[in-house]
């Protein structure tokens, strides 16, 4: 899935699985996940930094080796996406009641809240 020879433990198993694989090495996968968007560059610590040139690249590369990406994997078709508020909202399109409950949450961007609704969708 990430283009790396490494596995990630599935933390939530169901139609919508959740796992944290390493940051993908292939640009195609980075683009598919939307990780080429600058907002995710800052989230995962891959944009900017005080060091420059080869030293900055080495530091950035070593940091990326330990970064994990929160991924939703759909079992039925193998599609992958980042665990975000927007991805959860798209997945909730088929359930008005659950979507309303999610929208009433105070911390919609909080990973704990996102995982709660991923589990609830798996129970449907």
PDB file of N, CA and C in Angstrom:
ATOM      1  N   UNK A   1       0.822  -1.202   0.000  1.00  0.00           N
ATOM      2  CA  UNK A   1       0.000   0.000   0.000  1.00  0.00           C
ATOM      3  C   UNK A   1       0.861   1.260   0.000  1.00  0.00           C
ATOM      4  N   UNK A   2       1.969   1.263   0.718  1.00  0.00           N
ATOM      5  CA  UNK A   2       2.772   2.485   0.808  1.00  0.00           C
ATOM      6  C   UNK A   2       3.975   2.467  -0.120  1.00  0.00           C
ATOM      7  N   UNK A   3       4.225   1.344  -0.766  1.00  0.00           N
ATOM      8  CA  UNK A   3       5.395   1.235  -1.611  1.00  0.00           C
ATOM      9  C   UNK A   3       6.641   0.873  -0.823  1.00  0.00           C
ATOM     10  N   UNK A   4       6.485   0.594   0.460  1.00  0.00           N
ATOM     11  CA  UNK A   4       7.601   0.217   1.312  1.00  0.00           C
ATOM     12  C   UNK A   4       7.446  -1.243   1.718  1.00  0.00           C
ATOM     13  N   UNK A   5       8.551  -1.887   2.031  1.00  0.00           N
ATOM     14  CA  UNK A   5       8.515  -3.288   2.451  1.00  0.00           C
ATOM     15  C   UNK A   5       8.340  -3.351   3.957  1.00  0.00           C
ATOM     16  N   UNK A   6       7.230  -2.863   4.414  1.00  0.00           N
ATOM     17  CA  UNK A   6       6.954  -2.815   5.841  1.00  0.00           C
ATOM     18  C   UNK A   6       5.447  -2.975   6.035  1.00  0.00           C
ATOM     19  N   UNK A   7       5.059  -3.612   7.101  1.00  0.00           N
ATOM     20  CA  UNK A   7       3.649  -3.824   7.388  1.00  0.00           C
ATOM     21  C   UNK A   7       3.202  -2.934   8.537  1.00  0.00           C
ATOM     22  N   UNK A   8       1.895  -2.734   8.608  1.00  0.00           N
ATOM     23  CA  UNK A   8       1.313  -1.961   9.708  1.00  0.00           C
ATOM     24  C   UNK A   8       0.181  -2.784  10.317  1.00  0.00           C
ATOM     25  N   UNK A   9       0.097  -2.745  11.615  1.00  0.00           N
ATOM     26  CA  UNK A   9      -0.961  -3.449  12.337  1.00  0.00           C
ATOM     27  C   UNK A   9      -2.304  -2.771  12.054  1.00  0.00           C
ATOM     28  N   UNK A  10      -3.310  -3.581  11.757  1.00  0.00           N
ATOM     29  CA  UNK A  10      -4.665  -3.057  11.589  1.00  0.00           C
ATOM     30  C   UNK A  10      -5.227  -2.825  12.988  1.00  0.00           C
ATOM     31  N   UNK A  11      -5.530  -1.577  13.303  1.00  0.00           N
ATOM     32  CA  UNK A  11      -6.009  -1.224  14.639  1.00  0.00           C
ATOM     33  C   UNK A  11      -7.518  -1.350  14.772  1.00  0.00           C
ATOM     34  N   UNK A  12      -8.230  -1.152  13.659  1.00  0.00           N
ATOM     35  CA  UNK A  12      -9.680  -1.362  13.611  1.00  0.00           C
ATOM     36  C   UNK A  12      -9.943  -2.249  12.403  1.00  0.00           C
ATOM     37  N   UNK A  13     -10.605  -3.365  12.619  1.00  0.00           N
ATOM     38  CA  UNK A  13     -10.892  -4.305  11.541  1.00  0.00           C
ATOM     39  C   UNK A  13     -12.378  -4.313  11.258  1.00  0.00           C
ATOM     40  N   UNK A  14     -12.731  -4.177  10.011  1.00  0.00           N
ATOM     41  CA  UNK A  14     -14.117  -4.174   9.570  1.00  0.00           C
ATOM     42  C   UNK A  14     -14.142  -3.819   8.102  1.00  0.00           C
ATOM     43  N   UNK A  15     -15.302  -3.451   7.587  1.00  0.00           N
ATOM     44  CA  UNK A  15     -15.368  -2.970   6.204  1.00  0.00           C
ATOM     45  C   UNK A  15     -14.443  -1.772   6.037  1.00  0.00           C
ATOM     46  N   UNK A  16     -14.416  -0.901   7.047  1.00  0.00           N
ATOM     47  CA  UNK A  16     -13.511   0.249   7.057  1.00  0.00           C
ATOM     48  C   UNK A  16     -12.435  -0.008   8.100  1.00  0.00           C
ATOM     49  N   UNK A  17     -11.249  -0.364   7.643  1.00  0.00           N
ATOM     50  CA  UNK A  17     -10.142  -0.660   8.546  1.00  0.00           C
ATOM     51  C   UNK A  17      -9.352   0.617   8.831  1.00  0.00           C
ATOM     52  N   UNK A  18      -8.679   0.616   9.970  1.00  0.00           N
ATOM     53  CA  UNK A  18      -7.794   1.727  10.312  1.00  0.00           C
ATOM     54  C   UNK A  18      -6.424   1.170  10.628  1.00  0.00           C
ATOM     55  N   UNK A  19      -5.408   1.780  10.034  1.00  0.00           N
ATOM     56  CA  UNK A  19      -4.031   1.395  10.294  1.00  0.00           C
ATOM     57  C   UNK A  19      -3.119   2.599  10.136  1.00  0.00           C
ATOM     58  N   UNK A  20      -1.897   2.445  10.631  1.00  0.00           N
ATOM     59  CA  UNK A  20      -0.909   3.529  10.571  1.00  0.00           C
ATOM     60  C   UNK A  20       0.367   3.012   9.892  1.00  0.00           C
ATOM     61  N   UNK A  21       0.350   2.948   8.568  1.00  0.00           N
ATOM     62  CA  UNK A  21       1.573   2.506   7.882  1.00  0.00           C
ATOM     63  C   UNK A  21       2.611   3.629   7.875  1.00  0.00           C
ATOM     64  N   UNK A  22       3.848   3.289   7.491  1.00  0.00           N
ATOM     65  CA  UNK A  22       4.858   4.338   7.371  1.00  0.00           C
ATOM     66  C   UNK A  22       4.477   5.317   6.264  1.00  0.00           C
ATOM     67  N   UNK A  23       5.063   6.492   6.339  1.00  0.00           N
ATOM     68  CA  UNK A  23       4.831   7.501   5.298  1.00  0.00           C
ATOM     69  C   UNK A  23       5.219   6.892   3.954  1.00  0.00           C
ATOM     70  N   UNK A  24       4.332   6.976   2.943  1.00  0.00           N
ATOM     71  CA  UNK A  24       4.600   6.318   1.667  1.00  0.00           C
ATOM     72  C   UNK A  24       5.828   6.878   0.955  1.00  0.00           C
ATOM     73  N   UNK A  25       6.618   5.979   0.403  1.00  0.00           N
ATOM     74  CA  UNK A  25       7.809   6.380  -0.322  1.00  0.00           C
ATOM     75  C   UNK A  25       7.524   6.777  -1.759  1.00  0.00           C
ATOM     76  N   UNK A  26       6.444   6.273  -2.335  1.00  0.00           N
ATOM     77  CA  UNK A  26       6.127   6.552  -3.737  1.00  0.00           C
ATOM     78  C   UNK A  26       5.289   7.811  -3.870  1.00  0.00           C
ATOM     79  N   UNK A  27       5.707   8.697  -4.769  1.00  0.00           N
ATOM     80  CA  UNK A  27       4.984   9.957  -5.002  1.00  0.00           C
ATOM     81  C   UNK A  27       3.549   9.688  -5.454  1.00  0.00           C
ATOM     82  N   UNK A  28       3.335   8.635  -6.248  1.00  0.00           N
ATOM     83  CA  UNK A  28       1.992   8.307  -6.730  1.00  0.00           C
ATOM     84  C   UNK A  28       1.045   8.068  -5.549  1.00  0.00           C
ATOM     85  N   UNK A  29       1.518   7.337  -4.555  1.00  0.00           N
ATOM     86  CA  UNK A  29       0.692   7.040  -3.382  1.00  0.00           C
ATOM     87  C   UNK A  29       0.517   8.290  -2.528  1.00  0.00           C
ATOM     88  N   UNK A  30       1.580   9.085  -2.398  1.00  0.00           N
ATOM     89  CA  UNK A  30       1.474  10.351  -1.667  1.00  0.00           C
ATOM     90  C   UNK A  30       0.387  11.225  -2.295  1.00  0.00           C
ATOM     91  N   UNK A  31       0.392  11.285  -3.625  1.00  0.00           N
ATOM     92  CA  UNK A  31      -0.600  12.108  -4.343  1.00  0.00           C
ATOM     93  C   UNK A  31      -2.006  11.531  -4.166  1.00  0.00           C
ATOM     94  N   UNK A  32      -2.136  10.204  -4.267  1.00  0.00           N
ATOM     95  CA  UNK A  32      -3.436   9.548  -4.100  1.00  0.00           C
ATOM     96  C   UNK A  32      -4.044   9.865  -2.739  1.00  0.00           C
ATOM     97  N   UNK A  33      -3.206   9.912  -1.720  1.00  0.00           N
ATOM     98  CA  UNK A  33      -3.671  10.202  -0.360  1.00  0.00           C
ATOM     99  C   UNK A  33      -3.830  11.696  -0.107  1.00  0.00           C
ATOM    100  N   UNK A  34      -3.369  12.520  -1.032  1.00  0.00           N
ATOM    101  CA  UNK A  34      -3.451  13.965  -0.842  1.00  0.00           C
ATOM    102  C   UNK A  34      -2.320  14.502   0.014  1.00  0.00           C
ATOM    103  N   UNK A  35      -1.260  13.712   0.184  1.00  0.00           N
ATOM    104  CA  UNK A  35      -0.143  14.143   1.014  1.00  0.00           C
ATOM    105  C   UNK A  35       0.745  15.156   0.304  1.00  0.00           C
ATOM    106  N   UNK A  36       0.465  15.430  -0.967  1.00  0.00           N
ATOM    107  CA  UNK A  36       1.216  16.458  -1.670  1.00  0.00           C
ATOM    108  C   UNK A  36       0.627  17.844  -1.399  1.00  0.00           C
ATOM    109  N   UNK A  37      -0.491  17.881  -0.667  1.00  0.00           N
ATOM    110  CA  UNK A  37      -1.109  19.138  -0.249  1.00  0.00           C
ATOM    111  C   UNK A  37      -0.240  19.744   0.855  1.00  0.00           C
ATOM    112  N   UNK A  38       0.142  21.032   0.749  1.00  0.00           N
ATOM    113  CA  UNK A  38       1.017  21.643   1.756  1.00  0.00           C
ATOM    114  C   UNK A  38       0.523  21.504   3.197  1.00  0.00           C
ATOM    115  N   UNK A  39      -0.804  21.500   3.429  1.00  0.00           N
ATOM    116  CA  UNK A  39      -1.282  21.383   4.814  1.00  0.00           C
ATOM    117  C   UNK A  39      -0.836  20.068   5.433  1.00  0.00           C
ATOM    118  N   UNK A  40      -0.747  18.995   4.645  1.00  0.00           N
ATOM    119  CA  UNK A  40      -0.299  17.716   5.184  1.00  0.00           C
ATOM    120  C   UNK A  40       1.214  17.686   5.325  1.00  0.00           C
ATOM    121  N   UNK A  41       1.904  18.456   4.515  1.00  0.00           N
ATOM    122  CA  UNK A  41       3.351  18.567   4.669  1.00  0.00           C
ATOM    123  C   UNK A  41       3.693  19.120   6.032  1.00  0.00           C
ATOM    124  N   UNK A  42       2.962  20.118   6.464  1.00  0.00           N
ATOM    125  CA  UNK A  42       3.210  20.680   7.791  1.00  0.00           C
ATOM    126  C   UNK A  42       2.783  19.702   8.886  1.00  0.00           C
ATOM    127  N   UNK A  43       1.680  18.991   8.655  1.00  0.00           N
ATOM    128  CA  UNK A  43       1.182  18.041   9.648  1.00  0.00           C
ATOM    129  C   UNK A  43       2.213  16.936   9.903  1.00  0.00           C
ATOM    130  N   UNK A  44       2.825  16.453   8.835  1.00  0.00           N
ATOM    131  CA  UNK A  44       3.764  15.348   8.976  1.00  0.00           C
ATOM    132  C   UNK A  44       5.211  15.815   9.072  1.00  0.00           C
ATOM    133  N   UNK A  45       5.430  17.132   9.154  1.00  0.00           N
ATOM    134  CA  UNK A  45       6.768  17.657   9.383  1.00  0.00           C
ATOM    135  C   UNK A  45       7.704  17.522   8.207  1.00  0.00           C
ATOM    136  N   UNK A  46       7.176  17.641   6.981  1.00  0.00           N
ATOM    137  CA  UNK A  46       8.047  17.453   5.826  1.00  0.00           C
ATOM    138  C   UNK A  46       8.267  18.737   5.041  1.00  0.00           C
ATOM    139  N   UNK A  47       7.717  19.836   5.486  1.00  0.00           N
ATOM    140  CA  UNK A  47       7.891  21.100   4.796  1.00  0.00           C
ATOM    141  C   UNK A  47       8.635  22.049   5.710  1.00  0.00           C
ATOM    142  N   UNK A  48       9.567  22.777   5.159  1.00  0.00           N
ATOM    143  CA  UNK A  48      10.269  23.789   5.946  1.00  0.00           C
ATOM    144  C   UNK A  48      11.336  23.183   6.822  1.00  0.00           C
ATOM    145  N   UNK A  49      11.771  23.944   7.797  1.00  0.00           N
ATOM    146  CA  UNK A  49      12.821  23.483   8.701  1.00  0.00           C
ATOM    147  C   UNK A  49      13.989  24.431   8.670  1.00  0.00           C
ATOM    148  N   UNK A  50      14.763  24.447   9.730  1.00  0.00           N
ATOM    149  CA  UNK A  50      15.874  25.374   9.827  1.00  0.00           C
ATOM    150  C   UNK A  50      17.070  24.918   9.008  1.00  0.00           C
ATOM    151  N   UNK A  51      17.330  23.618   8.954  1.00  0.00           N
ATOM    152  CA  UNK A  51      18.492  23.116   8.221  1.00  0.00           C
ATOM    153  C   UNK A  51      18.199  23.089   6.734  1.00  0.00           C
ATOM    154  N   UNK A  52      19.220  23.294   5.932  1.00  0.00           N
ATOM    155  CA  UNK A  52      19.021  23.284   4.485  1.00  0.00           C
ATOM    156  C   UNK A  52      19.972  22.315   3.824  1.00  0.00           C
ATOM    157  N   UNK A  53      19.828  22.163   2.510  1.00  0.00           N
ATOM    158  CA  UNK A  53      20.735  21.342   1.724  1.00  0.00           C
ATOM    159  C   UNK A  53      20.725  19.884   2.113  1.00  0.00           C
ATOM    160  N   UNK A  54      21.900  19.264   1.987  1.00  0.00           N
ATOM    161  CA  UNK A  54      22.020  17.823   2.239  1.00  0.00           C
ATOM    162  C   UNK A  54      21.730  17.466   3.690  1.00  0.00           C
ATOM    163  N   UNK A  55      22.141  18.317   4.608  1.00  0.00           N
ATOM    164  CA  UNK A  55      21.894  18.034   6.035  1.00  0.00           C
ATOM    165  C   UNK A  55      20.400  18.062   6.317  1.00  0.00           C
ATOM    166  N   UNK A  56      19.717  19.087   5.807  1.00  0.00           N
ATOM    167  CA  UNK A  56      18.271  19.180   5.996  1.00  0.00           C
ATOM    168  C   UNK A  56      17.554  18.002   5.376  1.00  0.00           C
ATOM    169  N   UNK A  57      18.022  17.560   4.191  1.00  0.00           N
ATOM    170  CA  UNK A  57      17.420  16.403   3.536  1.00  0.00           C
ATOM    171  C   UNK A  57      17.611  15.140   4.341  1.00  0.00           C
ATOM    172  N   UNK A  58      18.802  14.978   4.920  1.00  0.00           N
ATOM    173  CA  UNK A  58      19.073  13.789   5.736  1.00  0.00           C
ATOM    174  C   UNK A  58      18.218  13.775   6.989  1.00  0.00           C
ATOM    175  N   UNK A  59      18.091  14.938   7.628  1.00  0.00           N
ATOM    176  CA  UNK A  59      17.259  15.037   8.828  1.00  0.00           C
ATOM    177  C   UNK A  59      15.813  14.745   8.481  1.00  0.00           C
ATOM    178  N   UNK A  60      15.329  15.356   7.400  1.00  0.00           N
ATOM    179  CA  UNK A  60      13.950  15.145   6.965  1.00  0.00           C
ATOM    180  C   UNK A  60      13.720  13.682   6.628  1.00  0.00           C
ATOM    181  N   UNK A  61      14.665  13.061   5.923  1.00  0.00           N
ATOM    182  CA  UNK A  61      14.528  11.655   5.555  1.00  0.00           C
ATOM    183  C   UNK A  61      14.490  10.751   6.771  1.00  0.00           C
ATOM    184  N   UNK A  62      15.317  11.025   7.767  1.00  0.00           N
ATOM    185  CA  UNK A  62      15.313  10.185   8.968  1.00  0.00           C
ATOM    186  C   UNK A  62      14.026  10.365   9.763  1.00  0.00           C
ATOM    187  N   UNK A  63      13.476  11.588   9.752  1.00  0.00           N
ATOM    188  CA  UNK A  63      12.198  11.813  10.442  1.00  0.00           C
ATOM    189  C   UNK A  63      11.074  11.078   9.737  1.00  0.00           C
ATOM    190  N   UNK A  64      11.109  11.040   8.399  1.00  0.00           N
ATOM    191  CA  UNK A  64      10.049  10.375   7.653  1.00  0.00           C
ATOM    192  C   UNK A  64      10.080   8.868   7.868  1.00  0.00           C
ATOM    193  N   UNK A  65      11.233   8.324   8.205  1.00  0.00           N
ATOM    194  CA  UNK A  65      11.344   6.884   8.418  1.00  0.00           C
ATOM    195  C   UNK A  65      10.503   6.420   9.611  1.00  0.00           C
ATOM    196  N   UNK A  66      10.219   7.315  10.539  1.00  0.00           N
ATOM    197  CA  UNK A  66       9.436   6.931  11.712  1.00  0.00           C
ATOM    198  C   UNK A  66       8.018   7.504  11.699  1.00  0.00           C
ATOM    199  N   UNK A  67       7.689   8.334  10.727  1.00  0.00           N
ATOM    200  CA  UNK A  67       6.346   8.917  10.639  1.00  0.00           C
ATOM    201  C   UNK A  67       5.336   7.844  10.271  1.00  0.00           C
ATOM    202  N   UNK A  68       4.174   7.918  10.855  1.00  0.00           N
ATOM    203  CA  UNK A  68       3.066   7.011  10.535  1.00  0.00           C
ATOM    204  C   UNK A  68       1.902   7.840  10.014  1.00  0.00           C
ATOM    205  N   UNK A  69       1.179   7.283   9.068  1.00  0.00           N
ATOM    206  CA  UNK A  69       0.087   7.991   8.416  1.00  0.00           C
ATOM    207  C   UNK A  69      -1.232   7.325   8.804  1.00  0.00           C
ATOM    208  N   UNK A  70      -2.212   8.081   9.331  1.00  0.00           N
ATOM    209  CA  UNK A  70      -3.502   7.486   9.709  1.00  0.00           C
ATOM    210  C   UNK A  70      -4.349   7.200   8.464  1.00  0.00           C
ATOM    211  N   UNK A  71      -4.535   5.923   8.170  1.00  0.00           N
ATOM    212  CA  UNK A  71      -5.170   5.492   6.920  1.00  0.00           C
ATOM    213  C   UNK A  71      -6.470   4.735   7.187  1.00  0.00           C
ATOM    214  N   UNK A  72      -7.466   5.025   6.358  1.00  0.00           N
ATOM    215  CA  UNK A  72      -8.688   4.219   6.289  1.00  0.00           C
ATOM    216  C   UNK A  72      -8.549   3.342   5.045  1.00  0.00           C
ATOM    217  N   UNK A  73      -8.740   2.055   5.216  1.00  0.00           N
ATOM    218  CA  UNK A  73      -8.674   1.102   4.109  1.00  0.00           C
ATOM    219  C   UNK A  73     -10.048   0.456   3.967  1.00  0.00           C
ATOM    220  N   UNK A  74     -10.655   0.609   2.784  1.00  0.00           N
ATOM    221  CA  UNK A  74     -11.980   0.027   2.552  1.00  0.00           C
ATOM    222  C   UNK A  74     -11.811  -1.382   1.996  1.00  0.00           C
ATOM    223  N   UNK A  75     -12.285  -2.367   2.736  1.00  0.00           N
ATOM    224  CA  UNK A  75     -12.095  -3.776   2.372  1.00  0.00           C
ATOM    225  C   UNK A  75     -12.770  -4.140   1.049  1.00  0.00           C
ATOM    226  N   UNK A  76     -13.934  -3.592   0.774  1.00  0.00           N
ATOM    227  CA  UNK A  76     -14.694  -4.012  -0.396  1.00  0.00           C
ATOM    228  C   UNK A  76     -14.017  -3.674  -1.712  1.00  0.00           C
ATOM    229  N   UNK A  77     -13.270  -2.580  -1.764  1.00  0.00           N
ATOM    230  CA  UNK A  77     -12.661  -2.188  -3.038  1.00  0.00           C
ATOM    231  C   UNK A  77     -11.178  -1.817  -2.939  1.00  0.00           C
ATOM    232  N   UNK A  78     -10.601  -1.901  -1.733  1.00  0.00           N
ATOM    233  CA  UNK A  78      -9.181  -1.626  -1.574  1.00  0.00           C
ATOM    234  C   UNK A  78      -8.802  -0.153  -1.627  1.00  0.00           C
ATOM    235  N   UNK A  79      -9.799   0.726  -1.602  1.00  0.00           N
ATOM    236  CA  UNK A  79      -9.497   2.165  -1.642  1.00  0.00           C
ATOM    237  C   UNK A  79      -8.915   2.602  -0.297  1.00  0.00           C
ATOM    238  N   UNK A  80      -8.003   3.567  -0.362  1.00  0.00           N
ATOM    239  CA  UNK A  80      -7.376   4.086   0.844  1.00  0.00           C
ATOM    240  C   UNK A  80      -7.570   5.598   0.905  1.00  0.00           C
ATOM    241  N   UNK A  81      -7.547   6.121   2.114  1.00  0.00           N
ATOM    242  CA  UNK A  81      -7.650   7.562   2.317  1.00  0.00           C
ATOM    243  C   UNK A  81      -7.157   7.921   3.705  1.00  0.00           C
ATOM    244  N   UNK A  82      -6.829   9.174   3.875  1.00  0.00           N
ATOM    245  CA  UNK A  82      -6.399   9.658   5.184  1.00  0.00           C
ATOM    246  C   UNK A  82      -7.586   9.720   6.131  1.00  0.00           C
ATOM    247  N   UNK A  83      -7.341   9.488   7.390  1.00  0.00           N
ATOM    248  CA  UNK A  83      -8.359   9.667   8.426  1.00  0.00           C
ATOM    249  C   UNK A  83      -8.445  11.161   8.724  1.00  0.00           C
ATOM    250  N   UNK A  84      -9.466  11.798   8.169  1.00  0.00           N
ATOM    251  CA  UNK A  84      -9.687  13.229   8.376  1.00  0.00           C
ATOM    252  C   UNK A  84     -11.179  13.477   8.576  1.00  0.00           C
ATOM    253  N   UNK A  85     -11.500  14.659   9.027  1.00  0.00           N
ATOM    254  CA  UNK A  85     -12.901  15.047   9.170  1.00  0.00           C
ATOM    255  C   UNK A  85     -13.617  14.918   7.828  1.00  0.00           C
ATOM    256  N   UNK A  86     -12.996  15.399   6.747  1.00  0.00           N
ATOM    257  CA  UNK A  86     -13.628  15.346   5.426  1.00  0.00           C
ATOM    258  C   UNK A  86     -13.856  13.919   4.957  1.00  0.00           C
ATOM    259  N   UNK A  87     -12.895  13.024   5.203  1.00  0.00           N
ATOM    260  CA  UNK A  87     -13.084  11.638   4.764  1.00  0.00           C
ATOM    261  C   UNK A  87     -14.216  10.976   5.538  1.00  0.00           C
ATOM    262  N   UNK A  88     -14.319  11.255   6.831  1.00  0.00           N
ATOM    263  CA  UNK A  88     -15.411  10.697   7.631  1.00  0.00           C
ATOM    264  C   UNK A  88     -16.752  11.246   7.146  1.00  0.00           C
ATOM    265  N   UNK A  89     -16.806  12.538   6.860  1.00  0.00           N
ATOM    266  CA  UNK A  89     -18.058  13.130   6.363  1.00  0.00           C
ATOM    267  C   UNK A  89     -18.490  12.486   5.048  1.00  0.00           C
ATOM    268  N   UNK A  90     -17.545  12.213   4.158  1.00  0.00           N
ATOM    269  CA  UNK A  90     -17.884  11.547   2.894  1.00  0.00           C
ATOM    270  C   UNK A  90     -18.423  10.144   3.146  1.00  0.00           C
ATOM    271  N   UNK A  91     -17.797   9.436   4.069  1.00  0.00           N
ATOM    272  CA  UNK A  91     -18.253   8.085   4.380  1.00  0.00           C
ATOM    273  C   UNK A  91     -19.615   8.086   5.069  1.00  0.00           C
ATOM    274  N   UNK A  92     -19.945   9.157   5.761  1.00  0.00           N
ATOM    275  CA  UNK A  92     -21.226   9.264   6.467  1.00  0.00           C
ATOM    276  C   UNK A  92     -22.365   9.730   5.576  1.00  0.00           C
ATOM    277  N   UNK A  93     -22.098  10.021   4.319  1.00  0.00           N
ATOM    278  CA  UNK A  93     -23.141  10.512   3.416  1.00  0.00           C
ATOM    279  C   UNK A  93     -24.360   9.594   3.359  1.00  0.00           C
ATOM    280  N   UNK A  94     -24.170   8.311   3.547  1.00  0.00           N
ATOM    281  CA  UNK A  94     -25.300   7.385   3.488  1.00  0.00           C
ATOM    282  C   UNK A  94     -26.109   7.271   4.767  1.00  0.00           C
ATOM    283  N   UNK A  95     -25.669   7.909   5.825  1.00  0.00           N
ATOM    284  CA  UNK A  95     -26.353   7.793   7.108  1.00  0.00           C
ATOM    285  C   UNK A  95     -26.594   9.172   7.711  1.00  0.00           C
ATOM    286  N   UNK A  96     -27.788   9.703   7.478  1.00  0.00           N
ATOM    287  CA  UNK A  96     -28.099  11.053   7.968  1.00  0.00           C
ATOM    288  C   UNK A  96     -28.041  11.153   9.489  1.00  0.00           C
ATOM    289  N   UNK A  97     -28.556  10.137  10.188  1.00  0.00           N
ATOM    290  CA  UNK A  97     -28.576  10.173  11.650  1.00  0.00           C
ATOM    291  C   UNK A  97     -27.161  10.210  12.225  1.00  0.00           C
ATOM    292  N   UNK A  98     -26.305   9.323  11.727  1.00  0.00           N
ATOM    293  CA  UNK A  98     -24.928   9.269  12.220  1.00  0.00           C
ATOM    294  C   UNK A  98     -24.155  10.534  11.830  1.00  0.00           C
ATOM    295  N   UNK A  99     -24.438  11.053  10.657  1.00  0.00           N
ATOM    296  CA  UNK A  99     -23.778  12.278  10.202  1.00  0.00           C
ATOM    297  C   UNK A  99     -24.163  13.461  11.090  1.00  0.00           C
ATOM    298  N   UNK A 100     -25.441  13.544  11.460  1.00  0.00           N
ATOM    299  CA  UNK A 100     -25.894  14.612  12.363  1.00  0.00           C
ATOM    300  C   UNK A 100     -25.213  14.501  13.723  1.00  0.00           C
ATOM    301  N   UNK A 101     -25.080  13.265  14.214  1.00  0.00           N
ATOM    302  CA  UNK A 101     -24.382  13.059  15.496  1.00  0.00           C
ATOM    303  C   UNK A 101     -22.931  13.522  15.398  1.00  0.00           C
ATOM    304  N   UNK A 102     -22.288  13.176  14.281  1.00  0.00           N
ATOM    305  CA  UNK A 102     -20.897  13.589  14.087  1.00  0.00           C
ATOM    306  C   UNK A 102     -20.784  15.117  14.043  1.00  0.00           C
ATOM    307  N   UNK A 103     -21.679  15.754  13.317  1.00  0.00           N
ATOM    308  CA  UNK A 103     -21.634  17.216  13.184  1.00  0.00           C
ATOM    309  C   UNK A 103     -21.913  17.925  14.503  1.00  0.00           C
ATOM    310  N   UNK A 104     -22.551  17.241  15.442  1.00  0.00           N
ATOM    311  CA  UNK A 104     -22.806  17.845  16.745  1.00  0.00           C
ATOM    312  C   UNK A 104     -21.624  17.674  17.714  1.00  0.00           C
ATOM    313  N   UNK A 105     -20.632  16.895  17.318  1.00  0.00           N
ATOM    314  CA  UNK A 105     -19.444  16.693  18.157  1.00  0.00           C
ATOM    315  C   UNK A 105     -18.637  17.989  18.244  1.00  0.00           C
ATOM    316  N   UNK A 106     -18.115  18.281  19.403  1.00  0.00           N
ATOM    317  CA  UNK A 106     -17.305  19.493  19.600  1.00  0.00           C
ATOM    318  C   UNK A 106     -15.914  19.372  18.987  1.00  0.00           C
ATOM    319  N   UNK A 107     -15.345  18.182  19.024  1.00  0.00           N
ATOM    320  CA  UNK A 107     -13.977  17.974  18.531  1.00  0.00           C
ATOM    321  C   UNK A 107     -13.994  17.072  17.299  1.00  0.00           C
ATOM    322  N   UNK A 108     -14.539  17.570  16.204  1.00  0.00           N
ATOM    323  CA  UNK A 108     -14.681  16.770  14.986  1.00  0.00           C
ATOM    324  C   UNK A 108     -13.341  16.378  14.367  1.00  0.00           C
ATOM    325  N   UNK A 109     -12.314  17.178  14.556  1.00  0.00           N
ATOM    326  CA  UNK A 109     -11.003  16.880  13.974  1.00  0.00           C
ATOM    327  C   UNK A 109     -10.143  15.993  14.868  1.00  0.00           C
ATOM    328  N   UNK A 110     -10.603  15.711  16.060  1.00  0.00           N
ATOM    329  CA  UNK A 110      -9.850  14.910  17.014  1.00  0.00           C
ATOM    330  C   UNK A 110      -9.839  13.450  16.552  1.00  0.00           C
ATOM    331  N   UNK A 111      -8.664  12.829  16.570  1.00  0.00           N
ATOM    332  CA  UNK A 111      -8.549  11.448  16.100  1.00  0.00           C
ATOM    333  C   UNK A 111      -9.465  10.499  16.865  1.00  0.00           C
ATOM    334  N   UNK A 112      -9.617  10.711  18.151  1.00  0.00           N
ATOM    335  CA  UNK A 112     -10.488   9.858  18.965  1.00  0.00           C
ATOM    336  C   UNK A 112     -11.933   9.911  18.446  1.00  0.00           C
ATOM    337  N   UNK A 113     -12.398  11.092  18.110  1.00  0.00           N
ATOM    338  CA  UNK A 113     -13.753  11.256  17.570  1.00  0.00           C
ATOM    339  C   UNK A 113     -13.865  10.589  16.206  1.00  0.00           C
ATOM    340  N   UNK A 114     -12.884  10.798  15.351  1.00  0.00           N
ATOM    341  CA  UNK A 114     -12.906  10.207  14.005  1.00  0.00           C
ATOM    342  C   UNK A 114     -12.939   8.676  14.084  1.00  0.00           C
ATOM    343  N   UNK A 115     -12.145   8.112  14.981  1.00  0.00           N
ATOM    344  CA  UNK A 115     -12.115   6.656  15.127  1.00  0.00           C
ATOM    345  C   UNK A 115     -13.427   6.123  15.705  1.00  0.00           C
ATOM    346  N   UNK A 116     -14.029   6.888  16.585  1.00  0.00           N
ATOM    347  CA  UNK A 116     -15.328   6.510  17.155  1.00  0.00           C
ATOM    348  C   UNK A 116     -16.354   6.320  16.036  1.00  0.00           C
ATOM    349  N   UNK A 117     -16.389   7.252  15.089  1.00  0.00           N
ATOM    350  CA  UNK A 117     -17.370   7.170  14.002  1.00  0.00           C
ATOM    351  C   UNK A 117     -16.989   6.121  12.959  1.00  0.00           C
ATOM    352  N   UNK A 118     -15.716   5.863  12.799  1.00  0.00           N
ATOM    353  CA  UNK A 118     -15.302   4.780  11.921  1.00  0.00           C
ATOM    354  C   UNK A 118     -15.807   3.448  12.470  1.00  0.00           C
ATOM    355  N   UNK A 119     -15.674   3.269  13.786  1.00  0.00           N
ATOM    356  CA  UNK A 119     -16.188   2.051  14.436  1.00  0.00           C
ATOM    357  C   UNK A 119     -17.706   1.959  14.308  1.00  0.00           C
ATOM    358  N   UNK A 120     -18.404   3.082  14.507  1.00  0.00           N
ATOM    359  CA  UNK A 120     -19.859   3.075  14.394  1.00  0.00           C
ATOM    360  C   UNK A 120     -20.309   2.715  12.973  1.00  0.00           C
ATOM    361  N   UNK A 121     -19.595   3.198  11.979  1.00  0.00           N
ATOM    362  CA  UNK A 121     -19.946   2.850  10.579  1.00  0.00           C
ATOM    363  C   UNK A 121     -19.735   1.351  10.338  1.00  0.00           C
ATOM    364  N   UNK A 122     -18.716   0.780  10.953  1.00  0.00           N
ATOM    365  CA  UNK A 122     -18.480  -0.660  10.790  1.00  0.00           C
ATOM    366  C   UNK A 122     -19.590  -1.495  11.433  1.00  0.00           C
ATOM    367  N   UNK A 123     -20.254  -0.936  12.440  1.00  0.00           N
ATOM    368  CA  UNK A 123     -21.326  -1.664  13.125  1.00  0.00           C
ATOM    369  C   UNK A 123     -22.651  -1.598  12.352  1.00  0.00           C
ATOM    370  N   UNK A 124     -22.746  -0.702  11.410  1.00  0.00           N
ATOM    371  CA  UNK A 124     -24.002  -0.530  10.648  1.00  0.00           C
ATOM    372  C   UNK A 124     -24.232  -1.698   9.704  1.00  0.00           C
TER     373      UNK A 124
END
